[in-house]
Amino acid sequence: MYDVVAGITVPDSTIARAATQLVRDTEDDLLYNHSRRVFFWGALAGERRGLKYDPELLYLGAMFHDMGLTKAYSSPNLRFEVDGANAAREFMKGYGVPERDIEDVWTAIALHTTPGIPEHMRPTIALVTAGVEMDVLGVGYHDFTHEQRDHVCTHHPREANFKESIIDHFAEGAIMKPETTFGNVKADVLALKDPNYKRMNFCSIILGSAWPS
């Protein structure tokens, strides 16, 4: 049976159903519902912008984008975005997905916290970030109708304390590997949540490098 929310149909292919089950079994309720909402916001944004996107690839990117925050898929030394991208890549390889499509999903996940770049790339990449930015940052909130927001959140509710809780999830995913926050938004997360965190400074690294001048 097809799942339709706010006029958007969730892909019902074998790989999409398997992805749903894997993420449902791996992530907690907050991350799972967030990932599903990301798909709907991304798809709605794509339709509003008139983009020709592949719903299945967008769905895979949305569903795997935070898998790197889970213990099952977190590595000891890679950014959580890369962990999630790698998880999606291995999963998609198992279903014989073409390499170009795998690369789009990998890139979409790897760049979803890097503002200013994804929106200039192919639709899968641009729309995963658009969905994330809507759900976490409220970017484009008023571009969606009240009915769209209500329908999506009725099916996949935002917890009453979602804002604080998602920050906590980000902190848990980075606190044991703070070096992965260099040059990205998770530095702000650890600065808020970890009293022992010290930011790496880009200019200090340049000035302190081995080069004589």
C-alpha atoms as a PDB file:
ATOM      1  CA  MET A   1       0.000   0.000   0.000  1.00  0.00           C
ATOM      2  CA  TYR A   2       1.300   3.417  -0.930  1.00  0.00           C
ATOM      3  CA  ASP A   3       1.888   5.921   1.850  1.00  0.00           C
ATOM      4  CA  VAL A   4       0.758   9.403   0.775  1.00  0.00           C
ATOM      5  CA  VAL A   5       1.371  12.427   3.010  1.00  0.00           C
ATOM      6  CA  ALA A   6       0.703  16.040   2.009  1.00  0.00           C
ATOM      7  CA  GLY A   7       0.261  14.845  -1.553  1.00  0.00           C
ATOM      8  CA  ILE A   8       3.690  13.172  -1.621  1.00  0.00           C
ATOM      9  CA  THR A   9       3.871   9.429  -2.215  1.00  0.00           C
ATOM     10  CA  VAL A  10       6.530   7.452  -0.379  1.00  0.00           C
ATOM     11  CA  PRO A  11       8.340   5.127  -2.820  1.00  0.00           C
ATOM     12  CA  ASP A  12       7.109   1.558  -2.449  1.00  0.00           C
ATOM     13  CA  SER A  13       9.977  -0.260  -4.148  1.00  0.00           C
ATOM     14  CA  THR A  14      11.831  -3.165  -2.587  1.00  0.00           C
ATOM     15  CA  ILE A  15      14.841  -1.017  -1.733  1.00  0.00           C
ATOM     16  CA  ALA A  16      12.707   1.769  -0.253  1.00  0.00           C
ATOM     17  CA  ARG A  17      10.805  -0.657   1.962  1.00  0.00           C
ATOM     18  CA  ALA A  18      14.076  -2.248   3.085  1.00  0.00           C
ATOM     19  CA  ALA A  19      15.543   1.174   3.869  1.00  0.00           C
ATOM     20  CA  THR A  20      12.480   2.089   5.912  1.00  0.00           C
ATOM     21  CA  GLN A  21      12.753  -1.098   7.941  1.00  0.00           C
ATOM     22  CA  LEU A  22      16.493  -0.727   8.515  1.00  0.00           C
ATOM     23  CA  VAL A  23      16.200   2.877   9.670  1.00  0.00           C
ATOM     24  CA  ARG A  24      13.144   2.077  11.796  1.00  0.00           C
ATOM     25  CA  ASP A  25      15.113  -0.733  13.485  1.00  0.00           C
ATOM     26  CA  THR A  26      18.248   1.392  13.964  1.00  0.00           C
ATOM     27  CA  GLU A  27      17.168   4.917  14.850  1.00  0.00           C
ATOM     28  CA  ASP A  28      15.086   6.092  17.775  1.00  0.00           C
ATOM     29  CA  ASP A  29      11.681   7.676  17.223  1.00  0.00           C
ATOM     30  CA  LEU A  30      13.043  11.209  17.064  1.00  0.00           C
ATOM     31  CA  LEU A  31      15.556  10.501  14.293  1.00  0.00           C
ATOM     32  CA  TYR A  32      13.221   8.221  12.366  1.00  0.00           C
ATOM     33  CA  ASN A  33      10.371  10.740  12.292  1.00  0.00           C
ATOM     34  CA  HIS A  34      12.826  13.525  11.489  1.00  0.00           C
ATOM     35  CA  SER A  35      14.203  11.535   8.548  1.00  0.00           C
ATOM     36  CA  ARG A  36      10.740  10.869   7.164  1.00  0.00           C
ATOM     37  CA  ARG A  37       9.824  14.551   7.486  1.00  0.00           C
ATOM     38  CA  VAL A  38      13.013  15.483   5.649  1.00  0.00           C
ATOM     39  CA  PHE A  39      11.823  13.419   2.693  1.00  0.00           C
ATOM     40  CA  PHE A  40       8.443  15.129   2.587  1.00  0.00           C
ATOM     41  CA  TRP A  41       9.877  18.650   2.949  1.00  0.00           C
ATOM     42  CA  GLY A  42      12.457  17.896   0.272  1.00  0.00           C
ATOM     43  CA  ALA A  43       9.878  16.446  -2.114  1.00  0.00           C
ATOM     44  CA  LEU A  44       7.468  19.340  -1.551  1.00  0.00           C
ATOM     45  CA  ALA A  45      10.293  21.820  -2.134  1.00  0.00           C
ATOM     46  CA  GLY A  46      11.235  19.991  -5.326  1.00  0.00           C
ATOM     47  CA  GLU A  47       7.687  20.174  -6.639  1.00  0.00           C
ATOM     48  CA  ARG A  48       7.391  23.853  -5.718  1.00  0.00           C
ATOM     49  CA  ARG A  49      10.681  24.610  -7.505  1.00  0.00           C
ATOM     50  CA  GLY A  50       9.762  22.536 -10.541  1.00  0.00           C
ATOM     51  CA  LEU A  51      12.759  20.239 -10.138  1.00  0.00           C
ATOM     52  CA  LYS A  52      12.839  16.851 -11.817  1.00  0.00           C
ATOM     53  CA  TYR A  53      13.977  14.594  -9.013  1.00  0.00           C
ATOM     54  CA  ASP A  54      14.010  10.839  -8.396  1.00  0.00           C
ATOM     55  CA  PRO A  55      11.715  10.173  -5.383  1.00  0.00           C
ATOM     56  CA  GLU A  56      13.487   6.924  -4.536  1.00  0.00           C
ATOM     57  CA  LEU A  57      16.935   8.529  -4.399  1.00  0.00           C
ATOM     58  CA  LEU A  58      15.582  11.443  -2.396  1.00  0.00           C
ATOM     59  CA  TYR A  59      13.953   8.988   0.003  1.00  0.00           C
ATOM     60  CA  LEU A  60      17.169   7.020   0.478  1.00  0.00           C
ATOM     61  CA  GLY A  61      19.138  10.188   1.102  1.00  0.00           C
ATOM     62  CA  ALA A  62      16.607  11.437   3.619  1.00  0.00           C
ATOM     63  CA  MET A  63      16.308   8.147   5.462  1.00  0.00           C
ATOM     64  CA  PHE A  64      20.060   7.538   5.784  1.00  0.00           C
ATOM     65  CA  HIS A  65      21.161  11.119   6.394  1.00  0.00           C
ATOM     66  CA  ASP A  66      21.431  10.756  10.198  1.00  0.00           C
ATOM     67  CA  MET A  67      22.403   7.086  10.417  1.00  0.00           C
ATOM     68  CA  GLY A  68      25.922   8.206  11.333  1.00  0.00           C
ATOM     69  CA  LEU A  69      24.515   9.433  14.646  1.00  0.00           C
ATOM     70  CA  THR A  70      23.627   5.885  15.680  1.00  0.00           C
ATOM     71  CA  LYS A  71      25.989   3.548  17.489  1.00  0.00           C
ATOM     72  CA  ALA A  72      25.549   0.926  14.795  1.00  0.00           C
ATOM     73  CA  TYR A  73      26.958   3.160  12.064  1.00  0.00           C
ATOM     74  CA  SER A  74      29.196   5.634  13.876  1.00  0.00           C
ATOM     75  CA  SER A  75      32.922   5.327  13.141  1.00  0.00           C
ATOM     76  CA  PRO A  76      35.628   6.423  15.587  1.00  0.00           C
ATOM     77  CA  ASN A  77      37.111   9.133  13.374  1.00  0.00           C
ATOM     78  CA  LEU A  78      34.822  10.230  10.527  1.00  0.00           C
ATOM     79  CA  ARG A  79      32.245  12.989  10.454  1.00  0.00           C
ATOM     80  CA  PHE A  80      28.802  11.570  11.180  1.00  0.00           C
ATOM     81  CA  GLU A  81      27.637  12.800   7.773  1.00  0.00           C
ATOM     82  CA  VAL A  82      30.284  10.642   6.097  1.00  0.00           C
ATOM     83  CA  ASP A  83      29.342   7.668   8.269  1.00  0.00           C
ATOM     84  CA  GLY A  84      25.745   8.003   7.125  1.00  0.00           C
ATOM     85  CA  ALA A  85      26.802   8.430   3.506  1.00  0.00           C
ATOM     86  CA  ASN A  86      28.973   5.321   3.713  1.00  0.00           C
ATOM     87  CA  ALA A  87      26.108   3.342   5.235  1.00  0.00           C
ATOM     88  CA  ALA A  88      23.824   4.382   2.384  1.00  0.00           C
ATOM     89  CA  ARG A  89      26.471   3.479  -0.192  1.00  0.00           C
ATOM     90  CA  GLU A  90      26.940  -0.036   1.161  1.00  0.00           C
ATOM     91  CA  PHE A  91      23.203  -0.541   1.424  1.00  0.00           C
ATOM     92  CA  MET A  92      22.565   0.628  -2.153  1.00  0.00           C
ATOM     93  CA  LYS A  93      25.372  -1.518  -3.546  1.00  0.00           C
ATOM     94  CA  GLY A  94      23.549  -4.529  -2.178  1.00  0.00           C
ATOM     95  CA  TYR A  95      20.610  -3.686  -4.429  1.00  0.00           C
ATOM     96  CA  GLY A  96      22.625  -3.095  -7.590  1.00  0.00           C
ATOM     97  CA  VAL A  97      21.935   0.639  -7.755  1.00  0.00           C
ATOM     98  CA  PRO A  98      23.949   2.391 -10.520  1.00  0.00           C
ATOM     99  CA  GLU A  99      27.128   4.086  -9.296  1.00  0.00           C
ATOM    100  CA  ARG A 100      26.007   7.553 -10.432  1.00  0.00           C
ATOM    101  CA  ASP A 101      22.870   7.276  -8.287  1.00  0.00           C
ATOM    102  CA  ILE A 102      24.880   5.992  -5.337  1.00  0.00           C
ATOM    103  CA  GLU A 103      27.238   8.948  -5.651  1.00  0.00           C
ATOM    104  CA  ASP A 104      24.317  11.394  -5.669  1.00  0.00           C
ATOM    105  CA  VAL A 105      22.897   9.918  -2.477  1.00  0.00           C
ATOM    106  CA  TRP A 106      26.353   9.722  -0.875  1.00  0.00           C
ATOM    107  CA  THR A 107      27.030  13.366  -1.703  1.00  0.00           C
ATOM    108  CA  ALA A 108      23.577  14.455  -0.546  1.00  0.00           C
ATOM    109  CA  ILE A 109      24.161  12.932   2.872  1.00  0.00           C
ATOM    110  CA  ALA A 110      27.796  14.008   3.198  1.00  0.00           C
ATOM    111  CA  LEU A 111      26.940  17.643   2.409  1.00  0.00           C
ATOM    112  CA  HIS A 112      23.629  18.006   4.216  1.00  0.00           C
ATOM    113  CA  THR A 113      25.136  20.193   6.961  1.00  0.00           C
ATOM    114  CA  THR A 114      27.268  22.262   4.574  1.00  0.00           C
ATOM    115  CA  PRO A 115      25.161  25.296   3.615  1.00  0.00           C
ATOM    116  CA  GLY A 116      25.784  27.231   0.445  1.00  0.00           C
ATOM    117  CA  ILE A 117      26.845  24.301  -1.763  1.00  0.00           C
ATOM    118  CA  PRO A 118      24.155  21.593  -2.095  1.00  0.00           C
ATOM    119  CA  GLU A 119      21.515  23.931  -3.541  1.00  0.00           C
ATOM    120  CA  HIS A 120      23.712  24.377  -6.620  1.00  0.00           C
ATOM    121  CA  MET A 121      24.003  20.654  -7.260  1.00  0.00           C
ATOM    122  CA  ARG A 122      21.754  17.955  -8.713  1.00  0.00           C
ATOM    123  CA  PRO A 123      18.204  17.628  -7.318  1.00  0.00           C
ATOM    124  CA  THR A 124      18.814  14.691  -4.961  1.00  0.00           C
ATOM    125  CA  ILE A 125      21.651  16.589  -3.320  1.00  0.00           C
ATOM    126  CA  ALA A 126      19.865  19.925  -3.210  1.00  0.00           C
ATOM    127  CA  LEU A 127      16.589  18.554  -1.874  1.00  0.00           C
ATOM    128  CA  VAL A 128      17.985  16.426   0.950  1.00  0.00           C
ATOM    129  CA  THR A 129      19.611  19.568   2.330  1.00  0.00           C
ATOM    130  CA  ALA A 130      16.444  21.594   1.718  1.00  0.00           C
ATOM    131  CA  GLY A 131      14.484  19.045   3.732  1.00  0.00           C
ATOM    132  CA  VAL A 132      17.007  19.030   6.565  1.00  0.00           C
ATOM    133  CA  GLU A 133      17.171  22.817   6.710  1.00  0.00           C
ATOM    134  CA  MET A 134      13.382  23.068   6.850  1.00  0.00           C
ATOM    135  CA  ASP A 135      13.022  20.514   9.638  1.00  0.00           C
ATOM    136  CA  VAL A 136      15.962  21.572  11.802  1.00  0.00           C
ATOM    137  CA  LEU A 137      16.431  25.271  11.060  1.00  0.00           C
ATOM    138  CA  GLY A 138      13.004  26.272   9.793  1.00  0.00           C
ATOM    139  CA  VAL A 139      14.494  27.506   6.505  1.00  0.00           C
ATOM    140  CA  GLY A 140      11.606  28.061   4.083  1.00  0.00           C
ATOM    141  CA  TYR A 141       9.017  27.373   6.810  1.00  0.00           C
ATOM    142  CA  HIS A 142       6.528  29.850   5.330  1.00  0.00           C
ATOM    143  CA  ASP A 143       7.000  28.454   1.821  1.00  0.00           C
ATOM    144  CA  PHE A 144       4.976  25.442   2.966  1.00  0.00           C
ATOM    145  CA  THR A 145       1.265  25.776   3.623  1.00  0.00           C
ATOM    146  CA  HIS A 146      -0.176  25.266   7.069  1.00  0.00           C
ATOM    147  CA  GLU A 147      -1.985  22.216   5.704  1.00  0.00           C
ATOM    148  CA  GLN A 148       1.258  20.708   4.410  1.00  0.00           C
ATOM    149  CA  ARG A 149       3.090  21.270   7.680  1.00  0.00           C
ATOM    150  CA  ASP A 150       0.174  19.918   9.695  1.00  0.00           C
ATOM    151  CA  HIS A 151      -0.268  16.803   7.558  1.00  0.00           C
ATOM    152  CA  VAL A 152       3.420  15.875   7.619  1.00  0.00           C
ATOM    153  CA  CYS A 153       3.708  16.456  11.367  1.00  0.00           C
ATOM    154  CA  THR A 154       0.503  14.548  12.077  1.00  0.00           C
ATOM    155  CA  HIS A 155       1.993  11.466  10.431  1.00  0.00           C
ATOM    156  CA  HIS A 156       5.511  12.018  11.793  1.00  0.00           C
ATOM    157  CA  PRO A 157       5.266  14.188  14.899  1.00  0.00           C
ATOM    158  CA  ARG A 158       7.895  16.584  16.154  1.00  0.00           C
ATOM    159  CA  GLU A 159       8.501  15.922  19.821  1.00  0.00           C
ATOM    160  CA  ALA A 160       7.574  18.749  22.168  1.00  0.00           C
ATOM    161  CA  ASN A 161      11.278  19.303  22.881  1.00  0.00           C
ATOM    162  CA  PHE A 162      12.530  18.479  19.377  1.00  0.00           C
ATOM    163  CA  LYS A 163      14.817  21.524  19.118  1.00  0.00           C
ATOM    164  CA  GLU A 164      16.765  20.680  22.266  1.00  0.00           C
ATOM    165  CA  SER A 165      16.650  16.950  21.607  1.00  0.00           C
ATOM    166  CA  ILE A 166      18.057  17.135  18.096  1.00  0.00           C
ATOM    167  CA  ILE A 167      20.947  19.223  19.404  1.00  0.00           C
ATOM    168  CA  ASP A 168      21.536  16.560  22.059  1.00  0.00           C
ATOM    169  CA  HIS A 169      21.615  13.891  19.343  1.00  0.00           C
ATOM    170  CA  PHE A 170      24.159  15.908  17.376  1.00  0.00           C
ATOM    171  CA  ALA A 171      26.295  16.325  20.500  1.00  0.00           C
ATOM    172  CA  GLU A 172      26.198  12.605  21.283  1.00  0.00           C
ATOM    173  CA  GLY A 173      27.324  11.884  17.742  1.00  0.00           C
ATOM    174  CA  ALA A 174      30.343  14.188  17.918  1.00  0.00           C
ATOM    175  CA  ILE A 175      31.478  14.424  21.525  1.00  0.00           C
ATOM    176  CA  MET A 176      33.808  11.403  21.291  1.00  0.00           C
ATOM    177  CA  LYS A 177      35.413  12.668  18.076  1.00  0.00           C
ATOM    178  CA  PRO A 178      35.538  16.463  18.440  1.00  0.00           C
ATOM    179  CA  GLU A 179      38.151  16.801  15.696  1.00  0.00           C
ATOM    180  CA  THR A 180      35.395  16.015  13.174  1.00  0.00           C
ATOM    181  CA  THR A 181      33.687  19.327  13.979  1.00  0.00           C
ATOM    182  CA  PHE A 182      36.488  21.416  12.467  1.00  0.00           C
ATOM    183  CA  GLY A 183      35.059  23.752   9.851  1.00  0.00           C
ATOM    184  CA  ASN A 184      31.447  22.665  10.226  1.00  0.00           C
ATOM    185  CA  VAL A 185      28.294  23.495  12.166  1.00  0.00           C
ATOM    186  CA  LYS A 186      28.791  20.762  14.755  1.00  0.00           C
ATOM    187  CA  ALA A 187      31.448  22.963  16.348  1.00  0.00           C
ATOM    188  CA  ASP A 188      28.539  25.117  17.543  1.00  0.00           C
ATOM    189  CA  VAL A 189      26.887  22.032  19.028  1.00  0.00           C
ATOM    190  CA  LEU A 190      29.898  21.010  21.112  1.00  0.00           C
ATOM    191  CA  ALA A 191      30.553  24.614  22.113  1.00  0.00           C
ATOM    192  CA  LEU A 192      27.057  24.587  23.637  1.00  0.00           C
ATOM    193  CA  LYS A 193      27.044  21.075  25.097  1.00  0.00           C
ATOM    194  CA  ASP A 194      30.638  20.214  26.070  1.00  0.00           C
ATOM    195  CA  PRO A 195      32.342  22.546  28.586  1.00  0.00           C
ATOM    196  CA  ASN A 196      35.726  20.990  27.736  1.00  0.00           C
ATOM    197  CA  TYR A 197      35.444  21.526  24.000  1.00  0.00           C
ATOM    198  CA  LYS A 198      38.043  23.754  22.348  1.00  0.00           C
ATOM    199  CA  ARG A 199      37.458  24.911  18.807  1.00  0.00           C
ATOM    200  CA  MET A 200      40.191  24.418  16.260  1.00  0.00           C
ATOM    201  CA  ASN A 201      41.078  27.730  14.633  1.00  0.00           C
ATOM    202  CA  PHE A 202      41.617  27.853  10.880  1.00  0.00           C
ATOM    203  CA  CYS A 203      43.954  30.837  11.010  1.00  0.00           C
ATOM    204  CA  SER A 204      45.993  29.361  13.854  1.00  0.00           C
ATOM    205  CA  ILE A 205      46.511  26.203  11.820  1.00  0.00           C
ATOM    206  CA  ILE A 206      47.729  28.240   8.840  1.00  0.00           C
ATOM    207  CA  LEU A 207      50.064  30.361  10.958  1.00  0.00           C
ATOM    208  CA  GLY A 208      51.351  27.354  12.889  1.00  0.00           C
ATOM    209  CA  SER A 209      52.008  25.115   9.919  1.00  0.00           C
ATOM    210  CA  ALA A 210      55.472  23.802   9.024  1.00  0.00           C
ATOM    211  CA  TRP A 211      55.782  26.229   6.124  1.00  0.00           C
ATOM    212  CA  PRO A 212      58.424  28.929   6.819  1.00  0.00           C
ATOM    213  CA  SER A 213      56.244  31.682   5.370  1.00  0.00           C
END
